[in-house]
Amino acid sequence: MKEWAYAGFSFDFLGATASHLITGDVAYALFPFVFFLVLLVSYTLWHKTAATPLPFDDREAHA
């Protein structure tokens, strides 16, 4: 479910950036693109931390 949320926000931010660029609002195109970059960093860090087991997680010891 989280990946679909990330995908939806990515489409929204990239669409907003493209809309601003197409209409000639180049100065305002930077804001949604910066939010997209923050979202990209957040997704990358979430993916790395989701794959890392926590030191106090007992589920792997019993598997």
N, C-alpha and C. Protein backbone atom coordinates (compact mmCIF):
# COMPACT_ATOMS: atom_id res chain seq x y z
N MET A 1 0.82 -1.19 0.00
CA MET A 1 0.00 0.00 0.00
C MET A 1 0.87 1.26 0.00
N LYS A 2 1.99 1.20 0.73
CA LYS A 2 2.86 2.38 0.77
C LYS A 2 3.46 2.68 -0.60
N GLU A 3 3.78 1.63 -1.34
CA GLU A 3 4.37 1.86 -2.66
C GLU A 3 3.38 2.52 -3.61
N TRP A 4 2.10 2.18 -3.48
CA TRP A 4 1.08 2.85 -4.30
C TRP A 4 0.94 4.31 -3.92
N ALA A 5 1.08 4.61 -2.64
CA ALA A 5 1.02 6.01 -2.20
C ALA A 5 2.21 6.79 -2.76
N TYR A 6 3.40 6.18 -2.69
CA TYR A 6 4.57 6.84 -3.27
C TYR A 6 4.39 7.05 -4.77
N ALA A 7 3.84 6.06 -5.46
CA ALA A 7 3.62 6.19 -6.91
C ALA A 7 2.62 7.30 -7.21
N GLY A 8 1.55 7.37 -6.43
CA GLY A 8 0.55 8.40 -6.65
C GLY A 8 1.09 9.80 -6.45
N PHE A 9 1.84 9.98 -5.36
CA PHE A 9 2.44 11.29 -5.12
C PHE A 9 3.47 11.63 -6.19
N SER A 10 4.20 10.63 -6.68
CA SER A 10 5.17 10.89 -7.74
C SER A 10 4.48 11.38 -9.00
N PHE A 11 3.38 10.72 -9.37
CA PHE A 11 2.63 11.17 -10.54
C PHE A 11 2.09 12.59 -10.35
N ASP A 12 1.61 12.89 -9.15
CA ASP A 12 1.08 14.22 -8.88
C ASP A 12 2.16 15.29 -9.00
N PHE A 13 3.31 15.05 -8.36
CA PHE A 13 4.38 16.05 -8.37
C PHE A 13 4.99 16.21 -9.76
N LEU A 14 5.18 15.11 -10.47
CA LEU A 14 5.73 15.23 -11.82
C LEU A 14 4.71 15.87 -12.77
N GLY A 15 3.44 15.56 -12.58
CA GLY A 15 2.42 16.20 -13.40
C GLY A 15 2.31 17.70 -13.13
N ALA A 16 2.43 18.07 -11.87
CA ALA A 16 2.40 19.51 -11.53
C ALA A 16 3.61 20.22 -12.12
N THR A 17 4.77 19.57 -12.06
CA THR A 17 5.97 20.17 -12.65
C THR A 17 5.80 20.35 -14.16
N ALA A 18 5.30 19.32 -14.82
CA ALA A 18 5.09 19.41 -16.27
C ALA A 18 4.06 20.47 -16.62
N SER A 19 3.00 20.57 -15.83
CA SER A 19 1.97 21.58 -16.10
C SER A 19 2.53 22.99 -15.99
N HIS A 20 3.35 23.23 -14.98
CA HIS A 20 3.96 24.55 -14.83
C HIS A 20 4.91 24.84 -15.98
N LEU A 21 5.68 23.84 -16.39
CA LEU A 21 6.62 24.07 -17.49
C LEU A 21 5.89 24.32 -18.80
N ILE A 22 4.82 23.60 -19.05
CA ILE A 22 4.08 23.75 -20.31
C ILE A 22 3.41 25.11 -20.40
N THR A 23 2.90 25.61 -19.26
CA THR A 23 2.21 26.90 -19.28
C THR A 23 3.17 28.09 -19.18
N GLY A 24 4.46 27.81 -18.98
CA GLY A 24 5.44 28.89 -18.95
C GLY A 24 5.78 29.39 -17.56
N ASP A 25 5.25 28.78 -16.53
CA ASP A 25 5.57 29.17 -15.15
C ASP A 25 6.81 28.42 -14.68
N VAL A 26 7.95 28.76 -15.27
CA VAL A 26 9.18 28.04 -14.97
C VAL A 26 9.59 28.24 -13.51
N ALA A 27 9.36 29.40 -12.97
CA ALA A 27 9.75 29.67 -11.58
C ALA A 27 8.95 28.81 -10.61
N TYR A 28 7.69 28.57 -10.90
CA TYR A 28 6.86 27.76 -10.01
C TYR A 28 7.00 26.26 -10.25
N ALA A 29 7.65 25.87 -11.32
CA ALA A 29 7.86 24.45 -11.60
C ALA A 29 8.87 23.84 -10.64
N LEU A 30 9.68 24.67 -10.02
CA LEU A 30 10.70 24.17 -9.11
C LEU A 30 10.10 23.59 -7.84
N PHE A 31 9.02 24.17 -7.33
CA PHE A 31 8.45 23.72 -6.05
C PHE A 31 7.95 22.27 -6.08
N PRO A 32 7.10 21.88 -7.03
CA PRO A 32 6.68 20.47 -7.02
C PRO A 32 7.82 19.52 -7.35
N PHE A 33 8.82 19.97 -8.12
CA PHE A 33 9.95 19.11 -8.43
C PHE A 33 10.82 18.87 -7.20
N VAL A 34 10.96 19.88 -6.35
CA VAL A 34 11.70 19.71 -5.10
C VAL A 34 10.97 18.72 -4.21
N PHE A 35 9.66 18.82 -4.14
CA PHE A 35 8.88 17.86 -3.34
C PHE A 35 9.03 16.44 -3.91
N PHE A 36 9.11 16.33 -5.23
CA PHE A 36 9.34 15.02 -5.84
C PHE A 36 10.70 14.47 -5.44
N LEU A 37 11.72 15.30 -5.41
CA LEU A 37 13.05 14.84 -5.00
C LEU A 37 13.06 14.41 -3.54
N VAL A 38 12.36 15.15 -2.68
CA VAL A 38 12.25 14.75 -1.27
C VAL A 38 11.53 13.41 -1.17
N LEU A 39 10.48 13.23 -1.95
CA LEU A 39 9.75 11.97 -1.97
C LEU A 39 10.65 10.83 -2.45
N LEU A 40 11.49 11.08 -3.44
CA LEU A 40 12.40 10.07 -3.95
C LEU A 40 13.41 9.65 -2.89
N VAL A 41 13.96 10.60 -2.17
CA VAL A 41 14.89 10.29 -1.09
C VAL A 41 14.18 9.52 0.01
N SER A 42 12.97 9.93 0.35
CA SER A 42 12.20 9.24 1.37
C SER A 42 11.92 7.80 0.98
N TYR A 43 11.56 7.57 -0.27
CA TYR A 43 11.29 6.22 -0.74
C TYR A 43 12.55 5.36 -0.70
N THR A 44 13.67 5.93 -1.10
CA THR A 44 14.92 5.19 -1.09
C THR A 44 15.32 4.81 0.33
N LEU A 45 15.21 5.73 1.25
CA LEU A 45 15.57 5.44 2.63
C LEU A 45 14.58 4.46 3.26
N TRP A 46 13.30 4.56 2.93
CA TRP A 46 12.31 3.62 3.46
C TRP A 46 12.60 2.21 2.96
N HIS A 47 12.97 2.11 1.69
CA HIS A 47 13.27 0.80 1.13
C HIS A 47 14.51 0.19 1.80
N LYS A 48 15.52 1.00 2.08
CA LYS A 48 16.73 0.48 2.73
C LYS A 48 16.44 0.06 4.16
N THR A 49 15.66 0.84 4.89
CA THR A 49 15.39 0.50 6.28
C THR A 49 14.40 -0.65 6.39
N ALA A 50 13.53 -0.83 5.41
CA ALA A 50 12.57 -1.94 5.45
C ALA A 50 13.29 -3.27 5.24
N ALA A 51 14.41 -3.26 4.53
CA ALA A 51 15.15 -4.49 4.27
C ALA A 51 16.12 -4.83 5.39
N THR A 52 16.39 -3.88 6.27
CA THR A 52 17.34 -4.10 7.36
C THR A 52 16.60 -4.63 8.58
N PRO A 53 16.97 -5.80 9.08
CA PRO A 53 16.29 -6.31 10.29
C PRO A 53 16.70 -5.51 11.52
N LEU A 54 15.77 -5.33 12.41
CA LEU A 54 16.05 -4.63 13.65
C LEU A 54 16.79 -5.56 14.60
N PRO A 55 17.67 -5.03 15.45
CA PRO A 55 18.46 -5.89 16.33
C PRO A 55 17.61 -6.60 17.37
N PHE A 56 16.47 -6.07 17.73
CA PHE A 56 15.63 -6.68 18.76
C PHE A 56 14.48 -7.48 18.18
N ASP A 57 14.50 -7.72 16.87
CA ASP A 57 13.44 -8.46 16.21
C ASP A 57 13.69 -9.96 16.35
N ASP A 58 12.81 -10.68 17.03
CA ASP A 58 12.97 -12.10 17.30
C ASP A 58 12.40 -12.99 16.20
N ARG A 59 11.73 -12.40 15.24
CA ARG A 59 11.06 -13.23 14.22
C ARG A 59 12.07 -14.03 13.39
N GLU A 60 13.24 -13.49 13.13
CA GLU A 60 14.21 -14.21 12.32
C GLU A 60 14.86 -15.34 13.11
N ALA A 61 14.99 -15.21 14.42
CA ALA A 61 15.62 -16.24 15.22
C ALA A 61 14.74 -17.49 15.30
N HIS A 62 13.42 -17.31 15.22
CA HIS A 62 12.50 -18.43 15.33
C HIS A 62 12.13 -19.03 13.99
N ALA A 63 12.55 -18.42 12.91
CA ALA A 63 12.17 -18.91 11.57
C ALA A 63 13.00 -20.09 11.11
